[in-house]
N, C-alpha and C. Protein backbone atom coordinates (compact mmCIF):
# COMPACT_ATOMS: atom_id res chain seq x y z
N MET A 1 0.84 -1.20 0.00
CA MET A 1 0.00 0.00 0.00
C MET A 1 0.87 1.25 0.00
N ARG A 2 0.51 2.22 -0.83
CA ARG A 2 1.32 3.42 -0.95
C ARG A 2 0.45 4.65 -0.73
N PRO A 3 0.17 4.99 0.51
CA PRO A 3 -0.73 6.11 0.79
C PRO A 3 -0.19 7.44 0.32
N ASP A 4 1.15 7.52 0.11
CA ASP A 4 1.75 8.78 -0.27
C ASP A 4 1.63 9.05 -1.77
N LEU A 5 1.27 8.02 -2.53
CA LEU A 5 1.19 8.17 -3.98
C LEU A 5 -0.14 8.80 -4.36
N ALA A 6 -0.11 10.12 -4.55
CA ALA A 6 -1.35 10.88 -4.71
C ALA A 6 -1.96 10.71 -6.10
N VAL A 7 -1.16 10.39 -7.10
CA VAL A 7 -1.64 10.33 -8.47
C VAL A 7 -1.10 9.07 -9.13
N LYS A 8 -1.96 8.42 -9.92
CA LYS A 8 -1.49 7.32 -10.74
C LYS A 8 -1.79 7.66 -12.19
N PRO A 9 -0.82 7.48 -13.08
CA PRO A 9 -1.07 7.82 -14.48
C PRO A 9 -2.08 6.88 -15.11
N LYS A 10 -2.83 7.41 -16.06
CA LYS A 10 -3.81 6.59 -16.77
C LYS A 10 -3.12 5.69 -17.80
N SER A 11 -2.06 6.21 -18.39
CA SER A 11 -1.32 5.41 -19.37
C SER A 11 0.17 5.70 -19.28
N VAL A 12 0.95 4.66 -19.47
CA VAL A 12 2.41 4.76 -19.43
C VAL A 12 2.95 3.97 -20.61
N GLU A 13 3.71 4.63 -21.48
CA GLU A 13 4.21 3.97 -22.69
C GLU A 13 5.71 4.21 -22.84
N TYR A 14 6.47 3.13 -22.87
CA TYR A 14 7.91 3.26 -23.13
C TYR A 14 8.09 3.58 -24.61
N VAL A 15 8.73 4.70 -24.90
CA VAL A 15 8.85 5.18 -26.28
C VAL A 15 10.13 4.69 -26.94
N GLY A 16 11.23 4.69 -26.18
CA GLY A 16 12.49 4.25 -26.76
C GLY A 16 13.68 4.88 -26.06
N ALA A 17 14.86 4.57 -26.61
CA ALA A 17 16.11 5.03 -26.00
C ALA A 17 16.97 5.74 -27.03
N ALA A 18 17.75 6.70 -26.56
CA ALA A 18 18.71 7.41 -27.40
C ALA A 18 20.12 7.11 -26.89
N TYR A 19 20.97 6.66 -27.79
CA TYR A 19 22.37 6.37 -27.44
C TYR A 19 23.32 7.42 -27.99
N THR A 20 22.81 8.24 -28.91
CA THR A 20 23.61 9.32 -29.48
C THR A 20 22.76 10.59 -29.48
N PRO A 21 23.39 11.77 -29.55
CA PRO A 21 22.61 13.01 -29.59
C PRO A 21 21.62 13.05 -30.76
N GLU A 22 21.98 12.43 -31.88
CA GLU A 22 21.11 12.44 -33.04
C GLU A 22 19.81 11.67 -32.79
N GLN A 23 19.84 10.74 -31.85
CA GLN A 23 18.67 9.93 -31.56
C GLN A 23 17.74 10.54 -30.51
N LEU A 24 18.14 11.67 -29.92
CA LEU A 24 17.32 12.30 -28.89
C LEU A 24 15.95 12.69 -29.45
N LEU A 25 14.94 12.52 -28.63
CA LEU A 25 13.57 12.79 -29.05
C LEU A 25 13.33 14.30 -29.17
N ARG A 26 12.85 14.72 -30.30
CA ARG A 26 12.45 16.11 -30.50
C ARG A 26 10.94 16.17 -30.40
N ASP A 27 10.46 16.69 -29.28
CA ASP A 27 9.02 16.70 -29.02
C ASP A 27 8.72 17.91 -28.14
N VAL A 28 7.67 18.64 -28.46
CA VAL A 28 7.35 19.85 -27.71
C VAL A 28 6.69 19.54 -26.37
N ARG A 29 6.26 18.31 -26.15
CA ARG A 29 5.62 17.97 -24.87
C ARG A 29 6.64 18.02 -23.73
N PRO A 30 6.20 18.44 -22.54
CA PRO A 30 7.12 18.61 -21.40
C PRO A 30 7.84 17.32 -21.04
N GLN A 31 9.08 17.50 -20.58
CA GLN A 31 9.88 16.35 -20.16
C GLN A 31 10.37 16.57 -18.73
N PHE A 32 10.39 15.49 -17.96
CA PHE A 32 10.87 15.51 -16.58
C PHE A 32 12.01 14.51 -16.47
N ALA A 33 13.20 15.03 -16.25
CA ALA A 33 14.41 14.21 -16.27
C ALA A 33 14.78 13.72 -14.88
N PHE A 34 15.30 12.50 -14.82
CA PHE A 34 15.80 11.92 -13.57
C PHE A 34 17.27 11.57 -13.78
N ILE A 35 18.12 12.14 -12.91
CA ILE A 35 19.56 11.93 -13.05
C ILE A 35 20.16 11.73 -11.67
N GLY A 36 21.31 11.06 -11.62
CA GLY A 36 21.98 10.84 -10.34
C GLY A 36 23.20 9.96 -10.54
N ARG A 37 23.95 9.79 -9.48
CA ARG A 37 25.12 8.93 -9.56
C ARG A 37 24.70 7.49 -9.85
N SER A 38 25.60 6.75 -10.47
CA SER A 38 25.33 5.34 -10.74
C SER A 38 24.99 4.62 -9.44
N ASN A 39 23.99 3.77 -9.50
CA ASN A 39 23.55 2.95 -8.36
C ASN A 39 22.84 3.76 -7.28
N VAL A 40 22.31 4.93 -7.64
CA VAL A 40 21.57 5.75 -6.67
C VAL A 40 20.14 5.25 -6.48
N GLY A 41 19.72 4.34 -7.36
CA GLY A 41 18.36 3.83 -7.29
C GLY A 41 17.40 4.55 -8.22
N LYS A 42 17.95 5.11 -9.28
CA LYS A 42 17.16 5.92 -10.20
C LYS A 42 16.09 5.11 -10.94
N SER A 43 16.52 4.01 -11.54
CA SER A 43 15.57 3.18 -12.29
C SER A 43 14.50 2.61 -11.38
N SER A 44 14.88 2.22 -10.16
CA SER A 44 13.91 1.70 -9.20
C SER A 44 12.88 2.76 -8.84
N LEU A 45 13.33 4.00 -8.65
CA LEU A 45 12.41 5.07 -8.29
C LEU A 45 11.45 5.37 -9.43
N VAL A 46 11.97 5.42 -10.66
CA VAL A 46 11.10 5.69 -11.81
C VAL A 46 10.08 4.57 -11.97
N ASN A 47 10.51 3.32 -11.83
CA ASN A 47 9.58 2.19 -11.89
C ASN A 47 8.47 2.34 -10.85
N ALA A 48 8.86 2.68 -9.61
CA ALA A 48 7.88 2.82 -8.53
C ALA A 48 6.95 4.00 -8.79
N LEU A 49 7.49 5.08 -9.30
CA LEU A 49 6.70 6.28 -9.56
C LEU A 49 5.61 6.00 -10.60
N LEU A 50 5.98 5.26 -11.64
CA LEU A 50 5.04 5.00 -12.73
C LEU A 50 4.22 3.74 -12.53
N GLY A 51 4.56 2.96 -11.49
CA GLY A 51 3.80 1.76 -11.20
C GLY A 51 4.01 0.65 -12.20
N LYS A 52 5.16 0.67 -12.90
CA LYS A 52 5.47 -0.37 -13.88
C LYS A 52 6.96 -0.67 -13.84
N ASP A 53 7.30 -1.94 -14.11
CA ASP A 53 8.71 -2.32 -14.18
C ASP A 53 9.22 -2.07 -15.59
N LEU A 54 9.44 -0.81 -15.90
CA LEU A 54 9.87 -0.43 -17.24
C LEU A 54 11.36 -0.60 -17.43
N PHE A 55 12.13 -0.37 -16.36
CA PHE A 55 13.58 -0.38 -16.48
C PHE A 55 14.17 -1.48 -15.62
N ARG A 56 15.16 -2.15 -16.17
CA ARG A 56 15.85 -3.18 -15.42
C ARG A 56 16.64 -2.53 -14.30
N THR A 57 16.52 -3.09 -13.10
CA THR A 57 17.28 -2.59 -11.97
C THR A 57 18.39 -3.57 -11.66
N SER A 58 19.50 -3.05 -11.14
CA SER A 58 20.66 -3.89 -10.88
C SER A 58 21.49 -3.29 -9.77
N LYS A 59 22.16 -4.16 -9.02
CA LYS A 59 23.09 -3.69 -8.00
C LYS A 59 24.41 -3.27 -8.63
N THR A 60 24.59 -3.61 -9.91
CA THR A 60 25.80 -3.23 -10.63
C THR A 60 25.66 -1.82 -11.15
N PRO A 61 26.54 -0.88 -10.77
CA PRO A 61 26.42 0.49 -11.25
C PRO A 61 26.70 0.60 -12.74
N GLY A 62 26.18 1.68 -13.34
CA GLY A 62 26.48 1.96 -14.73
C GLY A 62 25.61 1.24 -15.73
N ARG A 63 24.48 0.67 -15.30
CA ARG A 63 23.62 -0.08 -16.22
C ARG A 63 22.89 0.83 -17.21
N THR A 64 22.42 1.98 -16.74
CA THR A 64 21.70 2.90 -17.63
C THR A 64 22.72 3.72 -18.41
N GLN A 65 22.86 3.42 -19.70
CA GLN A 65 23.86 4.11 -20.51
C GLN A 65 23.23 4.81 -21.71
N ALA A 66 21.91 4.99 -21.65
CA ALA A 66 21.18 5.69 -22.71
C ALA A 66 20.16 6.61 -22.07
N VAL A 67 19.56 7.46 -22.89
CA VAL A 67 18.46 8.31 -22.45
C VAL A 67 17.17 7.58 -22.79
N HIS A 68 16.39 7.22 -21.76
CA HIS A 68 15.16 6.45 -21.96
C HIS A 68 13.94 7.35 -21.79
N TYR A 69 13.00 7.25 -22.73
CA TYR A 69 11.80 8.09 -22.73
C TYR A 69 10.55 7.26 -22.42
N VAL A 70 9.74 7.78 -21.51
CA VAL A 70 8.45 7.16 -21.19
C VAL A 70 7.37 8.23 -21.32
N LEU A 71 6.38 7.99 -22.15
CA LEU A 71 5.28 8.93 -22.35
C LEU A 71 4.17 8.64 -21.33
N VAL A 72 3.78 9.65 -20.59
CA VAL A 72 2.78 9.50 -19.53
C VAL A 72 1.49 10.22 -19.93
N ASP A 73 0.40 9.48 -19.91
CA ASP A 73 -0.92 10.03 -20.25
C ASP A 73 -0.94 10.73 -21.61
N GLY A 74 -0.02 10.34 -22.47
CA GLY A 74 0.05 10.92 -23.81
C GLY A 74 0.39 12.39 -23.83
N ALA A 75 0.82 12.94 -22.67
CA ALA A 75 0.95 14.39 -22.56
C ALA A 75 2.35 14.87 -22.19
N TRP A 76 3.12 14.05 -21.50
CA TRP A 76 4.45 14.48 -21.06
C TRP A 76 5.34 13.26 -20.82
N TYR A 77 6.63 13.52 -20.69
CA TYR A 77 7.59 12.42 -20.61
C TYR A 77 8.32 12.36 -19.27
N VAL A 78 8.56 11.15 -18.81
CA VAL A 78 9.57 10.88 -17.79
C VAL A 78 10.80 10.40 -18.55
N VAL A 79 11.96 10.97 -18.22
CA VAL A 79 13.19 10.64 -18.94
C VAL A 79 14.23 10.14 -17.95
N ASP A 80 14.68 8.90 -18.15
CA ASP A 80 15.69 8.27 -17.30
C ASP A 80 17.05 8.47 -17.96
N LEU A 81 17.90 9.26 -17.32
CA LEU A 81 19.21 9.60 -17.89
C LEU A 81 20.29 8.67 -17.36
N PRO A 82 21.41 8.54 -18.10
CA PRO A 82 22.52 7.70 -17.62
C PRO A 82 23.04 8.19 -16.27
N GLY A 83 23.44 7.25 -15.43
CA GLY A 83 24.06 7.62 -14.17
C GLY A 83 25.46 8.18 -14.41
N TYR A 84 25.94 8.95 -13.45
CA TYR A 84 27.30 9.50 -13.58
C TYR A 84 28.16 9.06 -12.41
N GLY A 85 29.48 9.21 -12.58
CA GLY A 85 30.40 8.93 -11.49
C GLY A 85 30.90 7.50 -11.43
N TYR A 86 30.58 6.69 -12.45
CA TYR A 86 31.07 5.30 -12.45
C TYR A 86 32.30 5.22 -13.35
N ALA A 87 33.48 5.24 -12.73
CA ALA A 87 34.73 5.39 -13.47
C ALA A 87 35.19 4.10 -14.15
N LYS A 88 34.55 2.97 -13.87
CA LYS A 88 35.04 1.70 -14.41
C LYS A 88 34.62 1.47 -15.86
N LEU A 89 33.76 2.31 -16.38
CA LEU A 89 33.43 2.22 -17.80
C LEU A 89 34.63 2.67 -18.63
N PRO A 90 34.77 2.15 -19.86
CA PRO A 90 35.86 2.62 -20.72
C PRO A 90 35.77 4.13 -20.95
N GLN A 91 36.91 4.77 -21.09
CA GLN A 91 36.94 6.23 -21.24
C GLN A 91 36.10 6.69 -22.43
N ARG A 92 36.16 5.94 -23.51
CA ARG A 92 35.38 6.31 -24.70
C ARG A 92 33.89 6.33 -24.38
N GLU A 93 33.44 5.35 -23.56
CA GLU A 93 32.03 5.29 -23.19
C GLU A 93 31.65 6.43 -22.26
N LEU A 94 32.55 6.78 -21.34
CA LEU A 94 32.29 7.91 -20.44
C LEU A 94 32.14 9.21 -21.23
N VAL A 95 32.98 9.40 -22.24
CA VAL A 95 32.91 10.60 -23.08
C VAL A 95 31.59 10.61 -23.85
N ARG A 96 31.20 9.44 -24.38
CA ARG A 96 29.93 9.36 -25.13
C ARG A 96 28.75 9.72 -24.24
N ILE A 97 28.71 9.16 -23.04
CA ILE A 97 27.59 9.41 -22.13
C ILE A 97 27.54 10.88 -21.72
N ALA A 98 28.71 11.47 -21.46
CA ALA A 98 28.75 12.89 -21.08
C ALA A 98 28.22 13.77 -22.20
N ALA A 99 28.63 13.47 -23.44
CA ALA A 99 28.16 14.26 -24.59
C ALA A 99 26.66 14.08 -24.80
N LEU A 100 26.18 12.85 -24.62
CA LEU A 100 24.76 12.57 -24.78
C LEU A 100 23.94 13.32 -23.73
N THR A 101 24.40 13.29 -22.49
CA THR A 101 23.68 13.96 -21.41
C THR A 101 23.64 15.47 -21.62
N GLU A 102 24.77 16.04 -22.02
CA GLU A 102 24.81 17.49 -22.26
C GLU A 102 23.90 17.87 -23.42
N ALA A 103 23.89 17.05 -24.47
CA ALA A 103 23.01 17.32 -25.60
C ALA A 103 21.54 17.23 -25.18
N TYR A 104 21.24 16.28 -24.29
CA TYR A 104 19.85 16.17 -23.82
C TYR A 104 19.43 17.45 -23.11
N PHE A 105 20.26 17.96 -22.23
CA PHE A 105 19.88 19.15 -21.47
C PHE A 105 19.76 20.39 -22.34
N ALA A 106 20.35 20.37 -23.53
CA ALA A 106 20.16 21.48 -24.47
C ALA A 106 18.70 21.57 -24.90
N GLU A 107 17.96 20.45 -24.75
CA GLU A 107 16.52 20.43 -25.07
C GLU A 107 15.68 21.05 -23.96
N ARG A 108 16.33 21.35 -22.81
CA ARG A 108 15.73 22.06 -21.69
C ARG A 108 14.46 21.38 -21.15
N PRO A 109 14.64 20.30 -20.38
CA PRO A 109 13.49 19.65 -19.75
C PRO A 109 12.76 20.60 -18.81
N ARG A 110 11.49 20.35 -18.57
CA ARG A 110 10.68 21.21 -17.71
C ARG A 110 11.22 21.23 -16.28
N LEU A 111 11.66 20.07 -15.79
CA LEU A 111 12.20 19.97 -14.43
C LEU A 111 13.12 18.75 -14.37
N THR A 112 14.23 18.90 -13.65
CA THR A 112 15.17 17.79 -13.47
C THR A 112 15.19 17.37 -12.01
N PHE A 113 15.00 16.10 -11.76
CA PHE A 113 15.11 15.55 -10.42
C PHE A 113 16.51 14.97 -10.25
N VAL A 114 17.27 15.53 -9.32
CA VAL A 114 18.63 15.04 -9.05
C VAL A 114 18.55 14.11 -7.85
N LEU A 115 18.87 12.84 -8.07
CA LEU A 115 18.71 11.83 -7.03
C LEU A 115 19.99 11.67 -6.21
N LEU A 116 19.81 11.56 -4.89
CA LEU A 116 20.92 11.45 -3.95
C LEU A 116 20.66 10.26 -3.03
N ASP A 117 21.64 9.41 -2.86
CA ASP A 117 21.51 8.24 -1.99
C ASP A 117 21.56 8.70 -0.53
N GLY A 118 20.47 8.47 0.20
CA GLY A 118 20.40 8.94 1.58
C GLY A 118 21.41 8.30 2.50
N ARG A 119 21.99 7.17 2.09
CA ARG A 119 22.96 6.46 2.94
C ARG A 119 24.38 6.95 2.73
N VAL A 120 24.56 7.81 1.73
CA VAL A 120 25.91 8.23 1.32
C VAL A 120 26.10 9.72 1.58
N PRO A 121 27.25 10.14 2.12
CA PRO A 121 27.49 11.57 2.33
C PRO A 121 27.48 12.34 1.01
N PRO A 122 27.32 13.66 1.06
CA PRO A 122 27.37 14.47 -0.17
C PRO A 122 28.63 14.20 -0.98
N GLN A 123 28.46 14.07 -2.28
CA GLN A 123 29.56 13.72 -3.17
C GLN A 123 29.89 14.88 -4.11
N GLY A 124 31.16 14.94 -4.50
CA GLY A 124 31.62 16.00 -5.39
C GLY A 124 30.92 15.99 -6.73
N LYS A 125 30.65 14.79 -7.28
CA LYS A 125 29.98 14.70 -8.57
C LYS A 125 28.57 15.29 -8.52
N ASP A 126 27.91 15.11 -7.37
CA ASP A 126 26.58 15.71 -7.22
C ASP A 126 26.68 17.23 -7.16
N ALA A 127 27.68 17.73 -6.45
CA ALA A 127 27.89 19.18 -6.38
C ALA A 127 28.12 19.75 -7.77
N GLU A 128 28.89 19.03 -8.60
CA GLU A 128 29.14 19.47 -9.97
C GLU A 128 27.84 19.51 -10.78
N THR A 129 26.98 18.52 -10.56
CA THR A 129 25.70 18.47 -11.28
C THR A 129 24.82 19.66 -10.92
N PHE A 130 24.69 19.93 -9.62
CA PHE A 130 23.88 21.09 -9.20
C PHE A 130 24.46 22.39 -9.76
N ALA A 131 25.79 22.53 -9.70
CA ALA A 131 26.43 23.75 -10.20
C ALA A 131 26.18 23.92 -11.69
N TRP A 132 26.26 22.81 -12.44
CA TRP A 132 26.07 22.89 -13.88
C TRP A 132 24.61 23.24 -14.22
N LEU A 133 23.66 22.61 -13.54
CA LEU A 133 22.25 22.93 -13.79
C LEU A 133 21.97 24.40 -13.50
N ARG A 134 22.54 24.91 -12.41
CA ARG A 134 22.36 26.34 -12.10
C ARG A 134 22.96 27.22 -13.19
N SER A 135 24.14 26.84 -13.67
CA SER A 135 24.82 27.66 -14.69
C SER A 135 24.02 27.71 -15.99
N GLN A 136 23.23 26.66 -16.24
CA GLN A 136 22.42 26.60 -17.46
C GLN A 136 21.02 27.16 -17.26
N GLY A 137 20.71 27.56 -16.03
CA GLY A 137 19.38 28.08 -15.74
C GLY A 137 18.29 27.03 -15.81
N LEU A 138 18.64 25.77 -15.50
CA LEU A 138 17.69 24.67 -15.58
C LEU A 138 17.07 24.40 -14.21
N PRO A 139 15.75 24.39 -14.10
CA PRO A 139 15.11 24.13 -12.80
C PRO A 139 15.31 22.68 -12.36
N PHE A 140 15.45 22.48 -11.05
CA PHE A 140 15.68 21.13 -10.54
C PHE A 140 15.09 20.99 -9.14
N ARG A 141 14.90 19.74 -8.73
CA ARG A 141 14.55 19.38 -7.36
C ARG A 141 15.47 18.25 -6.93
N ALA A 142 15.95 18.32 -5.71
CA ALA A 142 16.76 17.24 -5.15
C ALA A 142 15.84 16.19 -4.55
N VAL A 143 16.17 14.93 -4.78
CA VAL A 143 15.39 13.80 -4.27
C VAL A 143 16.34 12.83 -3.58
N VAL A 144 16.07 12.54 -2.32
CA VAL A 144 16.88 11.58 -1.58
C VAL A 144 16.23 10.20 -1.70
N THR A 145 17.01 9.20 -2.10
CA THR A 145 16.50 7.85 -2.29
C THR A 145 16.88 6.93 -1.13
N LYS A 146 16.22 5.79 -1.08
CA LYS A 146 16.54 4.70 -0.14
C LYS A 146 16.41 5.11 1.32
N VAL A 147 15.46 6.01 1.63
CA VAL A 147 15.34 6.46 3.02
C VAL A 147 14.76 5.38 3.93
N ASP A 148 14.19 4.32 3.34
CA ASP A 148 13.70 3.23 4.17
C ASP A 148 14.83 2.54 4.93
N ALA A 149 16.07 2.74 4.46
CA ALA A 149 17.24 2.16 5.13
C ALA A 149 17.72 3.02 6.30
N LEU A 150 17.08 4.18 6.50
CA LEU A 150 17.51 5.11 7.55
C LEU A 150 16.47 5.20 8.66
N ALA A 151 16.95 5.40 9.88
CA ALA A 151 16.04 5.72 10.98
C ALA A 151 15.46 7.11 10.75
N ARG A 152 14.33 7.40 11.39
CA ARG A 152 13.66 8.68 11.13
C ARG A 152 14.57 9.87 11.42
N ALA A 153 15.31 9.82 12.51
CA ALA A 153 16.21 10.93 12.84
C ALA A 153 17.30 11.07 11.79
N GLU A 154 17.75 9.94 11.24
CA GLU A 154 18.79 9.97 10.21
C GLU A 154 18.26 10.57 8.92
N ARG A 155 16.99 10.36 8.62
CA ARG A 155 16.40 10.93 7.40
C ARG A 155 16.42 12.45 7.45
N ALA A 156 15.96 12.99 8.56
CA ALA A 156 15.96 14.45 8.70
C ALA A 156 17.37 15.00 8.64
N GLN A 157 18.30 14.29 9.26
CA GLN A 157 19.69 14.72 9.27
C GLN A 157 20.27 14.70 7.85
N ALA A 158 19.94 13.65 7.09
CA ALA A 158 20.43 13.55 5.71
C ALA A 158 19.89 14.71 4.88
N GLY A 159 18.60 15.03 5.06
CA GLY A 159 18.02 16.15 4.32
C GLY A 159 18.73 17.45 4.61
N ARG A 160 19.00 17.72 5.88
CA ARG A 160 19.70 18.96 6.26
C ARG A 160 21.12 18.97 5.71
N ARG A 161 21.77 17.82 5.74
CA ARG A 161 23.14 17.72 5.24
C ARG A 161 23.22 18.06 3.76
N PHE A 162 22.27 17.57 2.98
CA PHE A 162 22.27 17.86 1.54
C PHE A 162 21.93 19.32 1.27
N VAL A 163 21.00 19.88 2.03
CA VAL A 163 20.67 21.30 1.87
C VAL A 163 21.90 22.16 2.07
N GLN A 164 22.65 21.86 3.11
CA GLN A 164 23.84 22.65 3.42
C GLN A 164 24.95 22.42 2.40
N ALA A 165 25.19 21.16 2.03
CA ALA A 165 26.30 20.84 1.13
C ALA A 165 26.09 21.41 -0.27
N PHE A 166 24.84 21.42 -0.73
CA PHE A 166 24.57 21.82 -2.11
C PHE A 166 23.82 23.16 -2.21
N ALA A 167 23.72 23.87 -1.09
CA ALA A 167 23.05 25.18 -1.07
C ALA A 167 21.67 25.11 -1.71
N LEU A 168 20.89 24.11 -1.31
CA LEU A 168 19.56 23.93 -1.89
C LEU A 168 18.59 24.97 -1.34
N SER A 169 17.73 25.48 -2.21
CA SER A 169 16.78 26.52 -1.79
C SER A 169 15.56 25.94 -1.09
N GLU A 170 15.35 24.62 -1.22
CA GLU A 170 14.25 23.96 -0.53
C GLU A 170 14.69 22.55 -0.13
N PRO A 171 14.09 21.99 0.90
CA PRO A 171 14.50 20.66 1.35
C PRO A 171 14.31 19.62 0.25
N PRO A 172 15.17 18.61 0.20
CA PRO A 172 14.99 17.55 -0.79
C PRO A 172 13.77 16.71 -0.47
N ILE A 173 13.23 16.07 -1.49
CA ILE A 173 12.13 15.12 -1.30
C ILE A 173 12.72 13.80 -0.83
N LEU A 174 12.24 13.29 0.29
CA LEU A 174 12.74 12.03 0.84
C LEU A 174 11.88 10.88 0.30
N THR A 175 12.52 9.91 -0.36
CA THR A 175 11.76 8.86 -1.04
C THR A 175 12.29 7.46 -0.76
N SER A 176 11.42 6.51 -1.02
CA SER A 176 11.80 5.09 -1.01
C SER A 176 11.03 4.38 -2.11
N ALA A 177 11.76 3.79 -3.05
CA ALA A 177 11.09 3.01 -4.10
C ALA A 177 10.44 1.76 -3.51
N ARG A 178 10.99 1.26 -2.43
CA ARG A 178 10.48 0.02 -1.82
C ARG A 178 9.16 0.24 -1.10
N THR A 179 9.06 1.33 -0.33
CA THR A 179 7.84 1.57 0.46
C THR A 179 6.88 2.56 -0.19
N GLY A 180 7.35 3.31 -1.18
CA GLY A 180 6.50 4.32 -1.82
C GLY A 180 6.54 5.67 -1.13
N GLU A 181 7.30 5.77 -0.05
CA GLU A 181 7.39 7.05 0.67
C GLU A 181 7.91 8.15 -0.26
N GLY A 182 7.27 9.31 -0.21
CA GLY A 182 7.73 10.47 -0.96
C GLY A 182 7.31 10.53 -2.41
N LEU A 183 6.75 9.44 -2.95
CA LEU A 183 6.38 9.46 -4.37
C LEU A 183 5.30 10.48 -4.66
N GLY A 184 4.38 10.66 -3.71
CA GLY A 184 3.34 11.67 -3.90
C GLY A 184 3.91 13.06 -4.02
N GLU A 185 4.98 13.33 -3.28
CA GLU A 185 5.60 14.65 -3.35
C GLU A 185 6.30 14.86 -4.70
N VAL A 186 6.88 13.79 -5.24
CA VAL A 186 7.46 13.89 -6.59
C VAL A 186 6.36 14.19 -7.60
N TRP A 187 5.23 13.49 -7.48
CA TRP A 187 4.10 13.76 -8.37
C TRP A 187 3.62 15.20 -8.25
N ARG A 188 3.57 15.71 -7.03
CA ARG A 188 3.12 17.10 -6.84
C ARG A 188 4.08 18.08 -7.51
N ALA A 189 5.38 17.80 -7.43
CA ALA A 189 6.36 18.66 -8.09
C ALA A 189 6.15 18.65 -9.60
N ILE A 190 5.84 17.48 -10.15
CA ILE A 190 5.57 17.38 -11.58
C ILE A 190 4.30 18.15 -11.94
N ARG A 191 3.23 17.95 -11.17
CA ARG A 191 1.97 18.65 -11.45
C ARG A 191 2.15 20.16 -11.37
N ASP A 192 2.89 20.63 -10.36
CA ASP A 192 3.11 22.07 -10.23
C ASP A 192 3.86 22.61 -11.44
N ALA A 193 4.86 21.86 -11.90
CA ALA A 193 5.63 22.31 -13.07
C ALA A 193 4.77 22.32 -14.32
N LEU A 194 3.89 21.34 -14.46
CA LEU A 194 2.99 21.29 -15.61
C LEU A 194 2.01 22.47 -15.60
N ARG A 195 1.63 22.88 -14.40
CA ARG A 195 0.71 24.02 -14.27
C ARG A 195 1.42 25.36 -14.30
N GLY A 196 2.74 25.32 -14.33
CA GLY A 196 3.51 26.56 -14.35
C GLY A 196 3.75 27.15 -12.99
N ASN A 197 3.57 26.31 -11.92
CA ASN A 197 3.78 26.80 -10.57
C ASN A 197 5.14 26.41 -10.00
N GLY A 198 5.91 25.64 -10.80
CA GLY A 198 7.18 25.15 -10.28
C GLY A 198 8.30 26.13 -10.49
């Protein structure tokens, strides 16, 4: 049971994946991007949010190496971006993923959710991501994942730690793909952005 999940989509359709900038979807419908370090639980969170097992989840980092598009209610997209910070990939692949991700953001998604593992201290790669999004004028929300692994006091502490480390203007959304906690707040952020209130 997921009492926090305020909205369920009427339709969810996996559209496809882009491995090169040329394959990126050109569509005027709003897009909501999900990005984070490898193994942050991004695919699990997107699956839980949409109520479908659209993306393969793995304990092995670096599995998502393309930009994946999911059309929701025929009106807007959830976009699962490649994870960053996994140095064991070949250098050529790291360069390809970086170029693909930068090209994607040139399309200016409506809102980007930056995922942070609640069990892990603030990381330099995450700081770089927030700094880059700010430099491009791209709106974002921080989302803390895997909070079901934390005691309640630790959850609040993790939220404050990320606010301070990344100079966040609002507290991060605390989520768990396993329990559904916080998914309703992610949905509300999406709805607000669609209405122009974000």
